[in-house]
C-alpha atoms as a PDB file:
ATOM      1  CA  UNK A   1      -2.786 132.707 110.077  1.00  0.00           C
ATOM      2  CA  UNK A   2      -3.987 132.804 113.543  1.00  0.00           C
ATOM      3  CA  UNK A   3      -4.850 129.111 114.747  1.00  0.00           C
ATOM      4  CA  UNK A   4      -6.637 127.809 117.484  1.00  0.00           C
ATOM      5  CA  UNK A   5      -5.240 125.948 120.382  1.00  0.00           C
ATOM      6  CA  UNK A   6      -6.547 123.995 123.431  1.00  0.00           C
ATOM      7  CA  UNK A   7      -4.028 123.801 126.162  1.00  0.00           C
ATOM      8  CA  UNK A   8      -5.106 121.514 128.722  1.00  0.00           C
ATOM      9  CA  UNK A   9      -3.977 122.181 132.371  1.00  0.00           C
ATOM     10  CA  UNK A  10      -3.237 125.720 131.371  1.00  0.00           C
ATOM     11  CA  UNK A  11      -4.055 127.246 134.562  1.00  0.00           C
ATOM     12  CA  UNK A  12      -0.635 128.002 135.552  1.00  0.00           C
ATOM     13  CA  UNK A  13       2.918 126.117 135.744  1.00  0.00           C
ATOM     14  CA  UNK A  14       4.041 124.624 132.424  1.00  0.00           C
ATOM     15  CA  UNK A  15       0.438 125.077 130.908  1.00  0.00           C
ATOM     16  CA  UNK A  16       0.133 129.153 131.515  1.00  0.00           C
ATOM     17  CA  UNK A  17       3.702 129.331 129.912  1.00  0.00           C
ATOM     18  CA  UNK A  18       2.205 127.308 126.953  1.00  0.00           C
ATOM     19  CA  UNK A  19      -0.871 129.436 126.656  1.00  0.00           C
ATOM     20  CA  UNK A  20       1.244 132.530 126.745  1.00  0.00           C
ATOM     21  CA  UNK A  21       3.805 130.954 124.053  1.00  0.00           C
ATOM     22  CA  UNK A  22       1.044 130.648 121.246  1.00  0.00           C
ATOM     23  CA  UNK A  23      -0.793 134.031 122.301  1.00  0.00           C
ATOM     24  CA  UNK A  24       2.352 135.617 121.783  1.00  0.00           C
ATOM     25  CA  UNK A  25       2.432 133.718 118.307  1.00  0.00           C
ATOM     26  CA  UNK A  26      -0.656 136.021 117.359  1.00  0.00           C
ATOM     27  CA  UNK A  27      -2.686 132.623 118.067  1.00  0.00           C
ATOM     28  CA  UNK A  28      -6.372 132.411 120.255  1.00  0.00           C
ATOM     29  CA  UNK A  29      -5.794 130.284 122.656  1.00  0.00           C
ATOM     30  CA  UNK A  30      -8.539 127.783 124.740  1.00  0.00           C
ATOM     31  CA  UNK A  31      -6.904 127.748 128.311  1.00  0.00           C
ATOM     32  CA  UNK A  32      -8.199 124.110 130.005  1.00  0.00           C
ATOM     33  CA  UNK A  33      -8.442 124.133 133.746  1.00  0.00           C
ATOM     34  CA  UNK A  34     -10.179 121.418 136.432  1.00  0.00           C
ATOM     35  CA  UNK A  35     -10.423 123.434 139.161  1.00  0.00           C
ATOM     36  CA  UNK A  36      -8.282 126.275 139.421  1.00  0.00           C
ATOM     37  CA  UNK A  37     -10.520 128.648 137.612  1.00  0.00           C
ATOM     38  CA  UNK A  38      -9.719 131.468 139.262  1.00  0.00           C
ATOM     39  CA  UNK A  39      -5.649 130.876 137.702  1.00  0.00           C
ATOM     40  CA  UNK A  40      -7.087 130.049 134.724  1.00  0.00           C
ATOM     41  CA  UNK A  41      -8.881 133.221 134.630  1.00  0.00           C
ATOM     42  CA  UNK A  42      -5.696 134.812 135.495  1.00  0.00           C
ATOM     43  CA  UNK A  43      -4.025 133.019 133.059  1.00  0.00           C
ATOM     44  CA  UNK A  44      -6.604 134.469 130.473  1.00  0.00           C
ATOM     45  CA  UNK A  45      -6.503 137.730 131.626  1.00  0.00           C
ATOM     46  CA  UNK A  46      -2.497 137.846 131.034  1.00  0.00           C
ATOM     47  CA  UNK A  47      -2.876 136.621 127.043  1.00  0.00           C
ATOM     48  CA  UNK A  48      -1.604 139.188 124.338  1.00  0.00           C
ATOM     49  CA  UNK A  49      -3.876 139.697 121.309  1.00  0.00           C
ATOM     50  CA  UNK A  50      -7.774 138.499 121.699  1.00  0.00           C
ATOM     51  CA  UNK A  51      -9.931 135.918 120.908  1.00  0.00           C
ATOM     52  CA  UNK A  52      -9.143 133.467 123.730  1.00  0.00           C
ATOM     53  CA  UNK A  53     -11.271 131.797 125.321  1.00  0.00           C
ATOM     54  CA  UNK A  54     -11.919 130.002 129.325  1.00  0.00           C
ATOM     55  CA  UNK A  55     -12.782 125.926 129.179  1.00  0.00           C
ATOM     56  CA  UNK A  56     -13.236 124.065 132.452  1.00  0.00           C
ATOM     57  CA  UNK A  57     -13.948 120.232 132.799  1.00  0.00           C
ATOM     58  CA  UNK A  58     -12.455 117.171 133.871  1.00  0.00           C
ATOM     59  CA  UNK A  59     -10.340 115.459 131.765  1.00  0.00           C
ATOM     60  CA  UNK A  60     -10.398 112.248 133.556  1.00  0.00           C
ATOM     61  CA  UNK A  61     -14.254 111.852 132.248  1.00  0.00           C
ATOM     62  CA  UNK A  62     -15.240 110.234 129.382  1.00  0.00           C
ATOM     63  CA  UNK A  63     -17.899 112.637 128.807  1.00  0.00           C
ATOM     64  CA  UNK A  64     -16.238 115.988 130.105  1.00  0.00           C
ATOM     65  CA  UNK A  65     -13.149 115.332 127.623  1.00  0.00           C
ATOM     66  CA  UNK A  66     -15.382 115.286 125.185  1.00  0.00           C
ATOM     67  CA  UNK A  67     -16.962 118.703 126.484  1.00  0.00           C
ATOM     68  CA  UNK A  68     -13.768 120.587 126.435  1.00  0.00           C
ATOM     69  CA  UNK A  69     -13.163 119.780 122.689  1.00  0.00           C
ATOM     70  CA  UNK A  70     -16.401 120.946 121.970  1.00  0.00           C
ATOM     71  CA  UNK A  71     -15.982 123.820 123.866  1.00  0.00           C
ATOM     72  CA  UNK A  72     -12.913 125.009 122.423  1.00  0.00           C
ATOM     73  CA  UNK A  73     -13.900 124.233 119.100  1.00  0.00           C
ATOM     74  CA  UNK A  74     -17.242 126.348 119.788  1.00  0.00           C
ATOM     75  CA  UNK A  75     -14.999 129.259 121.282  1.00  0.00           C
ATOM     76  CA  UNK A  76     -12.268 129.209 118.841  1.00  0.00           C
ATOM     77  CA  UNK A  77     -14.409 128.264 115.467  1.00  0.00           C
ATOM     78  CA  UNK A  78     -11.738 125.439 114.918  1.00  0.00           C
ATOM     79  CA  UNK A  79      -8.815 123.589 116.109  1.00  0.00           C
ATOM     80  CA  UNK A  80      -5.450 123.130 115.065  1.00  0.00           C
ATOM     81  CA  UNK A  81      -3.844 122.436 118.145  1.00  0.00           C
ATOM     82  CA  UNK A  82      -3.989 120.520 120.636  1.00  0.00           C
ATOM     83  CA  UNK A  83      -1.286 120.490 123.488  1.00  0.00           C
ATOM     84  CA  UNK A  84      -2.070 117.740 126.325  1.00  0.00           C
ATOM     85  CA  UNK A  85      -0.199 119.210 129.359  1.00  0.00           C
ATOM     86  CA  UNK A  86      -3.250 118.497 132.371  1.00  0.00           C
ATOM     87  CA  UNK A  87      -2.299 115.349 134.324  1.00  0.00           C
ATOM     88  CA  UNK A  88      -2.219 114.769 138.354  1.00  0.00           C
ATOM     89  CA  UNK A  89       0.568 113.283 140.261  1.00  0.00           C
ATOM     90  CA  UNK A  90      -0.191 111.198 143.535  1.00  0.00           C
ATOM     91  CA  UNK A  91       2.870 110.635 145.539  1.00  0.00           C
ATOM     92  CA  UNK A  92       2.750 107.105 146.508  1.00  0.00           C
ATOM     93  CA  UNK A  93       5.777 105.228 147.897  1.00  0.00           C
ATOM     94  CA  UNK A  94       5.035 101.540 148.141  1.00  0.00           C
ATOM     95  CA  UNK A  95       6.764 100.490 151.335  1.00  0.00           C
ATOM     96  CA  UNK A  96       4.110 103.716 152.993  1.00  0.00           C
ATOM     97  CA  UNK A  97       1.463 103.721 151.130  1.00  0.00           C
ATOM     98  CA  UNK A  98      -1.472 101.256 151.999  1.00  0.00           C
ATOM     99  CA  UNK A  99      -2.854  98.815 149.095  1.00  0.00           C
ATOM    100  CA  UNK A 100      -6.360 100.697 149.295  1.00  0.00           C
ATOM    101  CA  UNK A 101      -4.368 104.024 148.664  1.00  0.00           C
ATOM    102  CA  UNK A 102      -2.267 102.422 145.677  1.00  0.00           C
ATOM    103  CA  UNK A 103      -5.044 101.306 144.083  1.00  0.00           C
ATOM    104  CA  UNK A 104      -6.905 105.154 144.348  1.00  0.00           C
ATOM    105  CA  UNK A 105      -3.225 106.556 142.926  1.00  0.00           C
ATOM    106  CA  UNK A 106      -3.158 104.385 140.358  1.00  0.00           C
ATOM    107  CA  UNK A 107      -6.731 104.653 139.011  1.00  0.00           C
ATOM    108  CA  UNK A 108      -6.532 108.689 139.416  1.00  0.00           C
ATOM    109  CA  UNK A 109      -3.312 109.143 137.118  1.00  0.00           C
ATOM    110  CA  UNK A 110      -4.358 106.412 134.878  1.00  0.00           C
ATOM    111  CA  UNK A 111      -7.400 108.177 134.189  1.00  0.00           C
ATOM    112  CA  UNK A 112      -6.258 111.561 133.642  1.00  0.00           C
ATOM    113  CA  UNK A 113      -2.751 110.983 132.264  1.00  0.00           C
ATOM    114  CA  UNK A 114      -3.526 108.744 129.881  1.00  0.00           C
ATOM    115  CA  UNK A 115      -7.128 108.072 129.417  1.00  0.00           C
ATOM    116  CA  UNK A 116      -8.095 111.512 129.324  1.00  0.00           C
ATOM    117  CA  UNK A 117      -4.817 112.342 127.008  1.00  0.00           C
ATOM    118  CA  UNK A 118      -6.236 109.764 124.770  1.00  0.00           C
ATOM    119  CA  UNK A 119      -9.461 110.755 124.768  1.00  0.00           C
ATOM    120  CA  UNK A 120      -9.322 114.572 123.900  1.00  0.00           C
ATOM    121  CA  UNK A 121      -7.132 113.611 121.509  1.00  0.00           C
ATOM    122  CA  UNK A 122      -9.357 111.194 119.692  1.00  0.00           C
ATOM    123  CA  UNK A 123     -11.777 114.419 119.838  1.00  0.00           C
ATOM    124  CA  UNK A 124      -9.576 116.995 118.792  1.00  0.00           C
ATOM    125  CA  UNK A 125      -8.160 114.812 116.167  1.00  0.00           C
ATOM    126  CA  UNK A 126     -12.023 113.981 114.721  1.00  0.00           C
ATOM    127  CA  UNK A 127     -12.472 117.608 114.352  1.00  0.00           C
ATOM    128  CA  UNK A 128      -9.193 117.889 112.326  1.00  0.00           C
ATOM    129  CA  UNK A 129     -10.126 115.126 110.032  1.00  0.00           C
ATOM    130  CA  UNK A 130     -13.731 116.199 109.798  1.00  0.00           C
ATOM    131  CA  UNK A 131     -13.145 119.977 108.656  1.00  0.00           C
ATOM    132  CA  UNK A 132      -9.596 118.764 106.778  1.00  0.00           C
ATOM    133  CA  UNK A 133      -7.163 120.752 109.298  1.00  0.00           C
ATOM    134  CA  UNK A 134      -3.231 119.802 108.794  1.00  0.00           C
ATOM    135  CA  UNK A 135      -3.090 119.996 112.315  1.00  0.00           C
ATOM    136  CA  UNK A 136      -0.615 119.150 115.858  1.00  0.00           C
ATOM    137  CA  UNK A 137      -0.878 117.420 118.738  1.00  0.00           C
ATOM    138  CA  UNK A 138       2.043 118.130 121.458  1.00  0.00           C
ATOM    139  CA  UNK A 139       1.866 115.775 124.507  1.00  0.00           C
ATOM    140  CA  UNK A 140       3.796 116.557 127.297  1.00  0.00           C
ATOM    141  CA  UNK A 141       5.725 113.922 128.913  1.00  0.00           C
ATOM    142  CA  UNK A 142       8.077 113.381 131.100  1.00  0.00           C
ATOM    143  CA  UNK A 143      12.050 112.100 131.786  1.00  0.00           C
ATOM    144  CA  UNK A 144      10.367 110.035 134.608  1.00  0.00           C
ATOM    145  CA  UNK A 145       9.050 108.050 131.648  1.00  0.00           C
ATOM    146  CA  UNK A 146      12.625 106.641 131.063  1.00  0.00           C
ATOM    147  CA  UNK A 147      14.592 107.511 134.622  1.00  0.00           C
ATOM    148  CA  UNK A 148      11.964 106.051 136.935  1.00  0.00           C
ATOM    149  CA  UNK A 149       9.808 107.375 139.686  1.00  0.00           C
ATOM    150  CA  UNK A 150      10.092 106.215 142.635  1.00  0.00           C
ATOM    151  CA  UNK A 151       7.751 107.932 144.771  1.00  0.00           C
ATOM    152  CA  UNK A 152       5.452 108.457 141.887  1.00  0.00           C
ATOM    153  CA  UNK A 153       5.653 104.882 140.008  1.00  0.00           C
ATOM    154  CA  UNK A 154       2.084 105.910 138.604  1.00  0.00           C
ATOM    155  CA  UNK A 155       3.276 108.902 137.387  1.00  0.00           C
ATOM    156  CA  UNK A 156       5.892 107.006 135.722  1.00  0.00           C
ATOM    157  CA  UNK A 157       4.106 104.727 133.935  1.00  0.00           C
ATOM    158  CA  UNK A 158       1.398 107.394 132.869  1.00  0.00           C
ATOM    159  CA  UNK A 159       3.766 108.964 131.112  1.00  0.00           C
ATOM    160  CA  UNK A 160       5.528 106.168 129.347  1.00  0.00           C
ATOM    161  CA  UNK A 161       2.037 105.625 128.303  1.00  0.00           C
ATOM    162  CA  UNK A 162       1.371 109.012 126.357  1.00  0.00           C
ATOM    163  CA  UNK A 163       4.830 108.418 124.582  1.00  0.00           C
ATOM    164  CA  UNK A 164       3.660 105.477 123.580  1.00  0.00           C
ATOM    165  CA  UNK A 165       0.297 107.079 122.580  1.00  0.00           C
ATOM    166  CA  UNK A 166       1.697 110.131 120.818  1.00  0.00           C
ATOM    167  CA  UNK A 167       3.988 107.623 118.503  1.00  0.00           C
ATOM    168  CA  UNK A 168       0.926 105.387 117.402  1.00  0.00           C
ATOM    169  CA  UNK A 169      -1.019 108.657 116.823  1.00  0.00           C
ATOM    170  CA  UNK A 170       1.784 109.782 114.764  1.00  0.00           C
ATOM    171  CA  UNK A 171       1.650 107.031 112.555  1.00  0.00           C
ATOM    172  CA  UNK A 172      -1.945 106.790 112.422  1.00  0.00           C
ATOM    173  CA  UNK A 173      -2.507 110.540 111.852  1.00  0.00           C
ATOM    174  CA  UNK A 174       0.290 111.381 108.996  1.00  0.00           C
ATOM    175  CA  UNK A 175      -2.355 110.594 106.064  1.00  0.00           C
ATOM    176  CA  UNK A 176      -4.298 113.171 107.307  1.00  0.00           C
ATOM    177  CA  UNK A 177      -1.322 115.873 107.618  1.00  0.00           C
ATOM    178  CA  UNK A 178      -1.535 115.459 111.303  1.00  0.00           C
ATOM    179  CA  UNK A 179       1.550 115.654 113.223  1.00  0.00           C
ATOM    180  CA  UNK A 180       2.046 114.385 116.593  1.00  0.00           C
ATOM    181  CA  UNK A 181       4.977 114.819 119.027  1.00  0.00           C
ATOM    182  CA  UNK A 182       6.239 114.547 122.389  1.00  0.00           C
ATOM    183  CA  UNK A 183       8.294 116.737 125.171  1.00  0.00           C
ATOM    184  CA  UNK A 184       9.887 114.857 127.786  1.00  0.00           C
ATOM    185  CA  UNK A 185      10.568 117.268 130.387  1.00  0.00           C
ATOM    186  CA  UNK A 186      12.598 116.820 133.395  1.00  0.00           C
ATOM    187  CA  UNK A 187      12.336 119.094 136.635  1.00  0.00           C
ATOM    188  CA  UNK A 188      10.579 122.655 135.900  1.00  0.00           C
ATOM    189  CA  UNK A 189      10.609 125.418 138.389  1.00  0.00           C
ATOM    190  CA  UNK A 190       6.716 125.502 138.938  1.00  0.00           C
ATOM    191  CA  UNK A 191       4.420 126.499 142.025  1.00  0.00           C
ATOM    192  CA  UNK A 192       3.478 122.714 142.484  1.00  0.00           C
ATOM    193  CA  UNK A 193       7.080 121.260 142.538  1.00  0.00           C
ATOM    194  CA  UNK A 194       8.971 124.064 143.697  1.00  0.00           C
ATOM    195  CA  UNK A 195       9.284 122.022 147.289  1.00  0.00           C
ATOM    196  CA  UNK A 196      11.180 119.590 145.846  1.00  0.00           C
ATOM    197  CA  UNK A 197      13.829 121.730 143.802  1.00  0.00           C
ATOM    198  CA  UNK A 198      16.600 121.056 146.025  1.00  0.00           C
ATOM    199  CA  UNK A 199      20.530 121.357 145.558  1.00  0.00           C
ATOM    200  CA  UNK A 200      20.852 117.731 144.515  1.00  0.00           C
ATOM    201  CA  UNK A 201      18.091 117.783 142.256  1.00  0.00           C
ATOM    202  CA  UNK A 202      19.565 121.318 140.468  1.00  0.00           C
ATOM    203  CA  UNK A 203      22.670 118.812 140.482  1.00  0.00           C
ATOM    204  CA  UNK A 204      21.373 116.427 138.043  1.00  0.00           C
ATOM    205  CA  UNK A 205      21.611 118.585 135.504  1.00  0.00           C
ATOM    206  CA  UNK A 206      25.514 119.726 134.215  1.00  0.00           C
ATOM    207  CA  UNK A 207      23.389 123.435 133.826  1.00  0.00           C
ATOM    208  CA  UNK A 208      23.000 123.379 137.809  1.00  0.00           C
ATOM    209  CA  UNK A 209      19.574 124.343 137.623  1.00  0.00           C
ATOM    210  CA  UNK A 210      16.057 123.129 136.635  1.00  0.00           C
ATOM    211  CA  UNK A 211      14.124 124.303 133.974  1.00  0.00           C
ATOM    212  CA  UNK A 212      11.956 127.338 133.553  1.00  0.00           C
ATOM    213  CA  UNK A 213       8.157 126.799 132.284  1.00  0.00           C
ATOM    214  CA  UNK A 214       9.532 128.794 129.491  1.00  0.00           C
ATOM    215  CA  UNK A 215      11.764 126.843 127.730  1.00  0.00           C
ATOM    216  CA  UNK A 216       9.147 123.784 127.993  1.00  0.00           C
ATOM    217  CA  UNK A 217       6.614 126.031 126.047  1.00  0.00           C
ATOM    218  CA  UNK A 218       9.530 127.181 123.603  1.00  0.00           C
ATOM    219  CA  UNK A 219       9.616 123.698 122.604  1.00  0.00           C
ATOM    220  CA  UNK A 220       6.134 122.970 122.540  1.00  0.00           C
ATOM    221  CA  UNK A 221       5.544 125.961 120.178  1.00  0.00           C
ATOM    222  CA  UNK A 222       8.246 125.262 117.619  1.00  0.00           C
ATOM    223  CA  UNK A 223       7.474 121.717 117.554  1.00  0.00           C
ATOM    224  CA  UNK A 224       3.281 122.569 116.937  1.00  0.00           C
ATOM    225  CA  UNK A 225       5.099 124.483 113.597  1.00  0.00           C
ATOM    226  CA  UNK A 226       4.339 123.461 110.291  1.00  0.00           C
ATOM    227  CA  UNK A 227       8.680 123.609 110.151  1.00  0.00           C
ATOM    228  CA  UNK A 228       8.661 120.748 112.881  1.00  0.00           C
ATOM    229  CA  UNK A 229       6.095 118.293 110.866  1.00  0.00           C
ATOM    230  CA  UNK A 230       9.233 115.996 109.895  1.00  0.00           C
ATOM    231  CA  UNK A 231       9.434 115.335 113.453  1.00  0.00           C
ATOM    232  CA  UNK A 232       6.417 113.615 114.483  1.00  0.00           C
ATOM    233  CA  UNK A 233       6.372 110.905 116.142  1.00  0.00           C
ATOM    234  CA  UNK A 234       9.469 112.081 118.110  1.00  0.00           C
ATOM    235  CA  UNK A 235       9.612 112.014 121.840  1.00  0.00           C
ATOM    236  CA  UNK A 236      12.063 115.200 122.579  1.00  0.00           C
ATOM    237  CA  UNK A 237      14.152 115.666 125.911  1.00  0.00           C
ATOM    238  CA  UNK A 238      13.904 118.755 127.504  1.00  0.00           C
ATOM    239  CA  UNK A 239      16.047 118.205 130.440  1.00  0.00           C
ATOM    240  CA  UNK A 240      19.310 120.281 130.108  1.00  0.00           C
ATOM    241  CA  UNK A 241      21.048 117.181 129.843  1.00  0.00           C
ATOM    242  CA  UNK A 242      20.056 115.761 133.242  1.00  0.00           C
ATOM    243  CA  UNK A 243      19.294 112.030 131.783  1.00  0.00           C
ATOM    244  CA  UNK A 244      20.438 110.942 128.630  1.00  0.00           C
ATOM    245  CA  UNK A 245      19.446 107.665 126.842  1.00  0.00           C
END
């Protein structure tokens, strides 16, 4: 059965790879973007199959978060899978950051990464409950929630919040047949962080490399499948054994 899948932050990088993985599986994908419409249109053009749609909006805004889900449902007909991938990552090392900059970084990060994820999840889950859909929600967390993010502390904290949110929703939504899970990638070879992938970073994994976006997408696609229902509530490390806990 072809499912309706909303992938937030799908204009490039991990989000684009996830959108492609679901499309290759025969699903219909709502490609969400915030500001990178051109990149999102490129993602859309590259998807296999038909029935895909483009959805714009800032998930950091409660009203726009609701509108994103509404538009995805309208374009796809119904929503079976939500992948919460959209996130911001603003550097704010404490000793080099003013208090005003610190406040702005934390607010912007929490608005998108935690509140945005919570609001989109709420709207998607209510749709699934109202339609009787045994849906799936997959959150993209981070190794940084466990390992720490010295120069990006708000990001690390926000991803810990995403993991906790996913586990709370997993317990609450299970009676409705909705499974919720998170993945926690380490470094991934995307356009956004390519400048940070050094020999030292590659050496964090015993494989001596960082992940490709397709490797994260593969895990997400499996966790959104019916076979993975019993993994609901899990946080899956997808970091090439670069951090174990």
